[in-house]
Amino acid sequence: MSIKPERPSRRDFSWFHTLRVRWAETDPQGIVFNGNYFLYFDVALTEYWRAAGINLPDDLTAEGSESFAVSAHADFYAPAVFDELIEIGVTLERVGNSSATFRLGIFRGDEALTGGRMIYAWATTTLPRTPCPPPASLIGKLQAMQR
């Protein structure tokens, strides 16, 4: 069975983080090594949370909970290359009972290079850790970024 990935569009995102591809992130041909796209996702998510007014790392452990990345997925359409500027779009796609899903897209101009999703889950800080809702204040700040 073939699954055709949903290619992101710049219109899917209202917030972007720009970065320049560094030499250490590329292979000998100057093409970004595939694992580094997850690093780009993480950097953009951190900056997105910061732009939302989230105090890192304190707000992530508010209300006796901690967040963990539990899923990371990427689809690749075209390579990013050494020294070019890329933009990573981030949007909060879904909030569940104990998780939040973020959609991400990496672009060179209007061209989608990579699309993906990351899911963060929350659990109590006390043992045994059990799933719990994300802190309401944190989710409120992230939802405000969508407007």
N, C-alpha and C. Protein backbone atom coordinates (compact mmCIF):
# COMPACT_ATOMS: atom_id res chain seq x y z
N MET A 1 0.83 -1.17 0.00
CA MET A 1 0.00 0.00 0.00
C MET A 1 0.88 1.24 0.00
N SER A 2 0.60 2.14 -0.89
CA SER A 2 1.36 3.38 -1.00
C SER A 2 0.61 4.52 -0.32
N ILE A 3 1.32 5.25 0.54
CA ILE A 3 0.73 6.41 1.20
C ILE A 3 1.39 7.65 0.61
N LYS A 4 0.57 8.51 0.04
CA LYS A 4 1.10 9.76 -0.52
C LYS A 4 1.09 10.82 0.57
N PRO A 5 2.27 11.29 0.99
CA PRO A 5 2.33 12.28 2.07
C PRO A 5 1.69 13.60 1.65
N GLU A 6 1.14 14.27 2.64
CA GLU A 6 0.53 15.57 2.44
C GLU A 6 1.62 16.63 2.41
N ARG A 7 1.90 17.14 1.23
CA ARG A 7 2.97 18.13 1.07
C ARG A 7 2.52 19.47 1.67
N PRO A 8 3.33 20.03 2.56
CA PRO A 8 2.92 21.30 3.18
C PRO A 8 2.99 22.47 2.20
N SER A 9 2.22 23.49 2.52
CA SER A 9 2.24 24.74 1.78
C SER A 9 2.55 25.85 2.79
N ARG A 10 3.16 26.90 2.35
CA ARG A 10 3.44 28.03 3.25
C ARG A 10 2.16 28.55 3.88
N ARG A 11 1.03 28.43 3.17
CA ARG A 11 -0.25 28.90 3.70
C ARG A 11 -0.68 28.13 4.95
N ASP A 12 -0.10 26.95 5.16
CA ASP A 12 -0.44 26.13 6.34
C ASP A 12 0.13 26.70 7.63
N PHE A 13 1.02 27.67 7.52
CA PHE A 13 1.76 28.17 8.68
C PHE A 13 1.68 29.68 8.75
N SER A 14 1.56 30.19 9.97
CA SER A 14 1.58 31.64 10.15
C SER A 14 2.85 32.08 10.88
N TRP A 15 3.66 31.10 11.31
CA TRP A 15 4.89 31.41 12.04
C TRP A 15 6.05 30.62 11.43
N PHE A 16 7.19 31.30 11.22
CA PHE A 16 8.36 30.67 10.61
C PHE A 16 9.63 31.05 11.38
N HIS A 17 10.58 30.13 11.37
CA HIS A 17 11.91 30.39 11.91
C HIS A 17 12.90 30.19 10.76
N THR A 18 13.79 31.15 10.57
CA THR A 18 14.79 31.08 9.50
C THR A 18 16.12 30.62 10.06
N LEU A 19 16.78 29.74 9.32
CA LEU A 19 18.15 29.39 9.68
C LEU A 19 18.95 29.08 8.43
N ARG A 20 20.25 29.16 8.57
CA ARG A 20 21.17 28.87 7.46
C ARG A 20 21.73 27.48 7.66
N VAL A 21 21.75 26.70 6.59
CA VAL A 21 22.31 25.35 6.64
C VAL A 21 23.82 25.46 6.84
N ARG A 22 24.31 24.80 7.86
CA ARG A 22 25.74 24.82 8.19
C ARG A 22 26.45 23.61 7.58
N TRP A 23 27.73 23.77 7.34
CA TRP A 23 28.54 22.73 6.70
C TRP A 23 28.47 21.40 7.47
N ALA A 24 28.51 21.46 8.79
CA ALA A 24 28.51 20.25 9.61
C ALA A 24 27.22 19.45 9.48
N GLU A 25 26.17 20.04 8.93
CA GLU A 25 24.88 19.36 8.79
C GLU A 25 24.73 18.66 7.44
N THR A 26 25.76 18.76 6.61
CA THR A 26 25.64 18.23 5.25
C THR A 26 26.59 17.06 5.02
N ASP A 27 26.30 16.32 3.94
CA ASP A 27 27.19 15.25 3.51
C ASP A 27 28.27 15.84 2.60
N PRO A 28 29.17 15.02 2.07
CA PRO A 28 30.25 15.58 1.22
C PRO A 28 29.76 16.31 -0.03
N GLN A 29 28.53 16.05 -0.47
CA GLN A 29 27.99 16.75 -1.63
C GLN A 29 27.31 18.07 -1.24
N GLY A 30 27.32 18.39 0.06
CA GLY A 30 26.70 19.64 0.51
C GLY A 30 25.20 19.54 0.72
N ILE A 31 24.65 18.32 0.75
CA ILE A 31 23.22 18.10 0.95
C ILE A 31 22.98 17.76 2.42
N VAL A 32 21.94 18.34 3.01
CA VAL A 32 21.64 18.10 4.42
C VAL A 32 21.39 16.62 4.66
N PHE A 33 22.08 16.06 5.65
CA PHE A 33 21.87 14.68 6.07
C PHE A 33 20.47 14.56 6.67
N ASN A 34 19.73 13.50 6.32
CA ASN A 34 18.31 13.41 6.66
C ASN A 34 18.01 13.56 8.15
N GLY A 35 18.84 13.06 9.03
CA GLY A 35 18.58 13.18 10.47
C GLY A 35 18.57 14.61 10.97
N ASN A 36 19.24 15.49 10.25
CA ASN A 36 19.31 16.89 10.69
C ASN A 36 17.99 17.64 10.51
N TYR A 37 17.09 17.12 9.69
CA TYR A 37 15.79 17.77 9.56
C TYR A 37 15.04 17.73 10.89
N PHE A 38 15.26 16.66 11.67
CA PHE A 38 14.63 16.59 13.00
C PHE A 38 15.26 17.61 13.95
N LEU A 39 16.55 17.87 13.79
CA LEU A 39 17.19 18.94 14.55
C LEU A 39 16.55 20.28 14.18
N TYR A 40 16.33 20.51 12.89
CA TYR A 40 15.69 21.75 12.45
C TYR A 40 14.28 21.86 13.04
N PHE A 41 13.53 20.75 13.04
CA PHE A 41 12.19 20.75 13.65
C PHE A 41 12.29 21.17 15.11
N ASP A 42 13.24 20.59 15.84
CA ASP A 42 13.38 20.86 17.27
C ASP A 42 13.76 22.31 17.52
N VAL A 43 14.68 22.84 16.74
CA VAL A 43 15.08 24.25 16.88
C VAL A 43 13.87 25.15 16.63
N ALA A 44 13.12 24.88 15.57
CA ALA A 44 11.96 25.71 15.25
C ALA A 44 10.89 25.60 16.33
N LEU A 45 10.66 24.41 16.86
CA LEU A 45 9.67 24.26 17.94
C LEU A 45 10.09 25.05 19.18
N THR A 46 11.36 25.00 19.52
CA THR A 46 11.86 25.76 20.67
C THR A 46 11.61 27.25 20.46
N GLU A 47 11.91 27.75 19.27
CA GLU A 47 11.71 29.18 18.99
C GLU A 47 10.23 29.53 18.93
N TYR A 48 9.41 28.62 18.45
CA TYR A 48 7.95 28.82 18.41
C TYR A 48 7.42 28.95 19.83
N TRP A 49 7.85 28.05 20.71
CA TRP A 49 7.41 28.10 22.10
C TRP A 49 7.89 29.40 22.76
N ARG A 50 9.11 29.79 22.47
CA ARG A 50 9.65 31.04 23.01
C ARG A 50 8.82 32.23 22.51
N ALA A 51 8.49 32.24 21.22
CA ALA A 51 7.67 33.32 20.65
C ALA A 51 6.28 33.36 21.26
N ALA A 52 5.80 32.22 21.73
CA ALA A 52 4.48 32.14 22.37
C ALA A 52 4.51 32.66 23.81
N GLY A 53 5.71 32.99 24.31
CA GLY A 53 5.83 33.48 25.67
C GLY A 53 6.00 32.38 26.70
N ILE A 54 6.39 31.21 26.22
CA ILE A 54 6.60 30.08 27.13
C ILE A 54 8.01 30.17 27.70
N ASN A 55 8.10 30.11 29.01
CA ASN A 55 9.37 30.19 29.72
C ASN A 55 9.99 28.79 29.77
N LEU A 56 11.03 28.60 28.98
CA LEU A 56 11.68 27.28 28.90
C LEU A 56 12.79 27.19 29.93
N PRO A 57 12.94 26.09 30.64
CA PRO A 57 12.11 24.89 30.61
C PRO A 57 11.00 24.89 31.66
N ASP A 58 10.89 25.96 32.45
CA ASP A 58 9.98 25.94 33.60
C ASP A 58 8.53 25.66 33.22
N ASP A 59 8.01 26.31 32.18
CA ASP A 59 6.61 26.11 31.81
C ASP A 59 6.33 24.69 31.32
N LEU A 60 7.37 24.00 30.88
CA LEU A 60 7.17 22.62 30.40
C LEU A 60 6.94 21.65 31.55
N THR A 61 7.30 22.06 32.75
CA THR A 61 7.11 21.18 33.91
C THR A 61 6.07 21.75 34.86
N ALA A 62 5.27 22.70 34.39
CA ALA A 62 4.24 23.30 35.23
C ALA A 62 3.18 22.28 35.60
N GLU A 63 2.53 22.53 36.69
CA GLU A 63 1.42 21.69 37.16
C GLU A 63 1.83 20.24 37.41
N GLY A 64 3.13 20.03 37.76
CA GLY A 64 3.58 18.69 38.12
C GLY A 64 3.67 17.72 36.96
N SER A 65 3.90 18.24 35.76
CA SER A 65 4.00 17.36 34.60
C SER A 65 5.28 17.65 33.82
N GLU A 66 5.63 16.73 32.96
CA GLU A 66 6.77 16.89 32.06
C GLU A 66 6.34 16.47 30.67
N SER A 67 6.97 17.07 29.66
CA SER A 67 6.66 16.70 28.28
C SER A 67 7.79 15.87 27.69
N PHE A 68 7.40 15.00 26.78
CA PHE A 68 8.34 14.11 26.10
C PHE A 68 7.96 14.02 24.63
N ALA A 69 8.93 14.08 23.75
CA ALA A 69 8.65 13.80 22.35
C ALA A 69 8.39 12.29 22.24
N VAL A 70 7.24 11.94 21.68
CA VAL A 70 6.89 10.52 21.57
C VAL A 70 6.77 10.06 20.12
N SER A 71 6.75 11.02 19.19
CA SER A 71 6.67 10.65 17.78
C SER A 71 7.26 11.76 16.95
N ALA A 72 8.04 11.38 15.97
CA ALA A 72 8.62 12.34 15.02
C ALA A 72 8.56 11.71 13.63
N HIS A 73 8.00 12.44 12.69
CA HIS A 73 7.83 11.91 11.33
C HIS A 73 8.22 13.00 10.34
N ALA A 74 8.86 12.59 9.26
CA ALA A 74 9.23 13.54 8.21
C ALA A 74 9.05 12.89 6.84
N ASP A 75 8.60 13.70 5.89
CA ASP A 75 8.55 13.32 4.49
C ASP A 75 9.47 14.28 3.74
N PHE A 76 10.27 13.73 2.84
CA PHE A 76 11.28 14.52 2.15
C PHE A 76 10.89 14.70 0.68
N TYR A 77 10.94 15.94 0.21
CA TYR A 77 10.54 16.25 -1.17
C TYR A 77 11.70 16.76 -2.01
N ALA A 78 12.57 17.56 -1.40
CA ALA A 78 13.73 18.12 -2.10
C ALA A 78 14.78 18.43 -1.04
N PRO A 79 16.06 18.37 -1.40
CA PRO A 79 17.10 18.59 -0.39
C PRO A 79 17.39 20.05 -0.11
N ALA A 80 17.73 20.31 1.13
CA ALA A 80 18.33 21.59 1.50
C ALA A 80 19.84 21.41 1.32
N VAL A 81 20.52 22.50 1.01
CA VAL A 81 21.95 22.40 0.73
C VAL A 81 22.74 23.43 1.55
N PHE A 82 24.02 23.18 1.65
CA PHE A 82 24.92 24.02 2.42
C PHE A 82 24.76 25.50 2.09
N ASP A 83 24.71 26.29 3.13
CA ASP A 83 24.76 27.75 3.11
C ASP A 83 23.47 28.42 2.64
N GLU A 84 22.42 27.66 2.33
CA GLU A 84 21.18 28.33 1.94
C GLU A 84 20.32 28.61 3.17
N LEU A 85 19.50 29.66 3.04
CA LEU A 85 18.55 29.98 4.09
C LEU A 85 17.29 29.17 3.87
N ILE A 86 16.84 28.53 4.95
CA ILE A 86 15.59 27.79 4.91
C ILE A 86 14.68 28.36 5.99
N GLU A 87 13.39 28.16 5.80
CA GLU A 87 12.41 28.60 6.79
C GLU A 87 11.61 27.39 7.24
N ILE A 88 11.44 27.30 8.56
CA ILE A 88 10.69 26.19 9.14
C ILE A 88 9.40 26.75 9.70
N GLY A 89 8.28 26.28 9.15
CA GLY A 89 6.98 26.68 9.64
C GLY A 89 6.52 25.72 10.73
N VAL A 90 5.85 26.26 11.74
CA VAL A 90 5.32 25.46 12.85
C VAL A 90 3.89 25.88 13.11
N THR A 91 3.03 24.90 13.35
CA THR A 91 1.68 25.19 13.78
C THR A 91 1.23 24.10 14.75
N LEU A 92 0.44 24.49 15.71
CA LEU A 92 -0.17 23.54 16.63
C LEU A 92 -1.35 22.94 15.90
N GLU A 93 -1.28 21.64 15.65
CA GLU A 93 -2.31 20.98 14.85
C GLU A 93 -3.44 20.40 15.70
N ARG A 94 -3.07 19.86 16.85
CA ARG A 94 -4.08 19.17 17.66
C ARG A 94 -3.62 19.11 19.12
N VAL A 95 -4.58 19.27 20.03
CA VAL A 95 -4.33 19.06 21.45
C VAL A 95 -5.23 17.90 21.89
N GLY A 96 -4.60 16.89 22.46
CA GLY A 96 -5.35 15.74 22.96
C GLY A 96 -5.45 15.77 24.47
N ASN A 97 -5.88 14.66 25.05
CA ASN A 97 -6.03 14.57 26.51
C ASN A 97 -4.69 14.65 27.23
N SER A 98 -3.63 14.14 26.60
CA SER A 98 -2.31 14.17 27.24
C SER A 98 -1.20 14.45 26.23
N SER A 99 -1.55 15.04 25.09
CA SER A 99 -0.53 15.27 24.06
C SER A 99 -0.88 16.49 23.21
N ALA A 100 0.11 16.91 22.44
CA ALA A 100 -0.07 17.99 21.47
C ALA A 100 0.70 17.60 20.22
N THR A 101 0.07 17.79 19.07
CA THR A 101 0.67 17.48 17.77
C THR A 101 1.01 18.77 17.06
N PHE A 102 2.25 18.86 16.60
CA PHE A 102 2.73 20.02 15.86
C PHE A 102 3.01 19.61 14.42
N ARG A 103 2.52 20.41 13.49
CA ARG A 103 2.84 20.21 12.08
C ARG A 103 3.98 21.14 11.73
N LEU A 104 4.92 20.63 10.91
CA LEU A 104 6.09 21.41 10.53
C LEU A 104 6.32 21.33 9.03
N GLY A 105 6.90 22.36 8.48
CA GLY A 105 7.28 22.37 7.07
C GLY A 105 8.57 23.15 6.91
N ILE A 106 9.45 22.62 6.09
CA ILE A 106 10.72 23.31 5.80
C ILE A 106 10.67 23.77 4.35
N PHE A 107 10.97 25.05 4.16
CA PHE A 107 10.79 25.67 2.85
C PHE A 107 12.05 26.40 2.39
N ARG A 108 12.23 26.39 1.07
CA ARG A 108 13.18 27.26 0.37
C ARG A 108 12.28 28.14 -0.50
N GLY A 109 12.07 29.37 -0.06
CA GLY A 109 11.07 30.20 -0.74
C GLY A 109 9.71 29.55 -0.58
N ASP A 110 9.01 29.34 -1.69
CA ASP A 110 7.70 28.69 -1.65
C ASP A 110 7.79 27.18 -1.80
N GLU A 111 8.98 26.67 -2.08
CA GLU A 111 9.14 25.23 -2.31
C GLU A 111 9.24 24.47 -0.99
N ALA A 112 8.34 23.49 -0.82
CA ALA A 112 8.38 22.63 0.38
C ALA A 112 9.48 21.60 0.20
N LEU A 113 10.45 21.62 1.12
CA LEU A 113 11.54 20.65 1.09
C LEU A 113 11.22 19.43 1.95
N THR A 114 10.59 19.68 3.08
CA THR A 114 10.29 18.63 4.05
C THR A 114 8.99 18.98 4.76
N GLY A 115 8.21 17.97 5.08
CA GLY A 115 7.02 18.16 5.90
C GLY A 115 7.05 17.14 7.02
N GLY A 116 6.43 17.45 8.13
CA GLY A 116 6.45 16.48 9.21
C GLY A 116 5.54 16.84 10.35
N ARG A 117 5.55 15.95 11.32
CA ARG A 117 4.79 16.14 12.55
C ARG A 117 5.62 15.66 13.73
N MET A 118 5.43 16.34 14.84
CA MET A 118 6.02 15.87 16.10
C MET A 118 4.92 15.87 17.14
N ILE A 119 4.89 14.82 17.93
CA ILE A 119 3.90 14.70 19.00
C ILE A 119 4.64 14.70 20.33
N TYR A 120 4.18 15.56 21.22
CA TYR A 120 4.69 15.62 22.58
C TYR A 120 3.59 15.14 23.51
N ALA A 121 3.96 14.28 24.47
CA ALA A 121 3.02 13.78 25.46
C ALA A 121 3.43 14.29 26.83
N TRP A 122 2.46 14.42 27.73
CA TRP A 122 2.71 14.87 29.09
C TRP A 122 2.42 13.73 30.06
N ALA A 123 3.25 13.67 31.09
CA ALA A 123 3.07 12.69 32.16
C ALA A 123 3.42 13.35 33.48
N THR A 124 2.94 12.76 34.56
CA THR A 124 3.23 13.30 35.89
C THR A 124 4.72 13.15 36.18
N THR A 125 5.23 14.04 37.02
CA THR A 125 6.65 13.97 37.38
C THR A 125 6.90 12.96 38.49
N THR A 126 5.84 12.56 39.19
CA THR A 126 6.00 11.59 40.27
C THR A 126 5.87 10.17 39.73
N LEU A 127 6.57 9.26 40.37
CA LEU A 127 6.52 7.86 39.95
C LEU A 127 5.34 7.16 40.60
N PRO A 128 4.68 6.25 39.95
CA PRO A 128 4.90 5.92 38.55
C PRO A 128 4.32 7.02 37.66
N ARG A 129 5.02 7.34 36.62
CA ARG A 129 4.55 8.38 35.71
C ARG A 129 3.29 7.91 35.00
N THR A 130 2.32 8.78 34.99
CA THR A 130 1.06 8.48 34.30
C THR A 130 0.71 9.64 33.39
N PRO A 131 0.05 9.35 32.27
CA PRO A 131 -0.34 10.43 31.36
C PRO A 131 -1.21 11.46 32.09
N CYS A 132 -1.03 12.72 31.70
CA CYS A 132 -1.83 13.80 32.28
C CYS A 132 -2.01 14.88 31.22
N PRO A 133 -2.97 15.78 31.42
CA PRO A 133 -3.17 16.85 30.44
C PRO A 133 -1.96 17.80 30.40
N PRO A 134 -1.70 18.38 29.24
CA PRO A 134 -0.68 19.42 29.17
C PRO A 134 -1.12 20.60 30.03
N PRO A 135 -0.18 21.36 30.60
CA PRO A 135 -0.55 22.52 31.41
C PRO A 135 -1.44 23.48 30.61
N ALA A 136 -2.56 23.87 31.19
CA ALA A 136 -3.53 24.72 30.51
C ALA A 136 -2.91 26.05 30.08
N SER A 137 -2.04 26.62 30.91
CA SER A 137 -1.43 27.91 30.56
C SER A 137 -0.54 27.77 29.33
N LEU A 138 0.18 26.67 29.24
CA LEU A 138 1.05 26.43 28.09
C LEU A 138 0.22 26.27 26.82
N ILE A 139 -0.83 25.46 26.89
CA ILE A 139 -1.69 25.23 25.72
C ILE A 139 -2.37 26.53 25.30
N GLY A 140 -2.78 27.34 26.27
CA GLY A 140 -3.39 28.63 25.95
C GLY A 140 -2.46 29.52 25.16
N LYS A 141 -1.19 29.55 25.57
CA LYS A 141 -0.20 30.36 24.85
C LYS A 141 0.04 29.83 23.45
N LEU A 142 0.08 28.51 23.30
CA LEU A 142 0.28 27.92 21.96
C LEU A 142 -0.92 28.17 21.07
N GLN A 143 -2.12 28.05 21.62
CA GLN A 143 -3.32 28.30 20.82
C GLN A 143 -3.40 29.76 20.40
N ALA A 144 -2.91 30.66 21.24
CA ALA A 144 -2.91 32.09 20.87
C ALA A 144 -2.02 32.34 19.66
N MET A 145 -1.00 31.51 19.47
CA MET A 145 -0.10 31.66 18.30
C MET A 145 -0.83 31.33 17.00
N GLN A 146 -1.93 30.62 17.08
CA GLN A 146 -2.65 30.20 15.88
C GLN A 146 -3.52 31.33 15.33
N ARG A 147 -3.75 32.36 16.11
CA ARG A 147 -4.65 33.43 15.69
C ARG A 147 -3.95 34.47 14.88
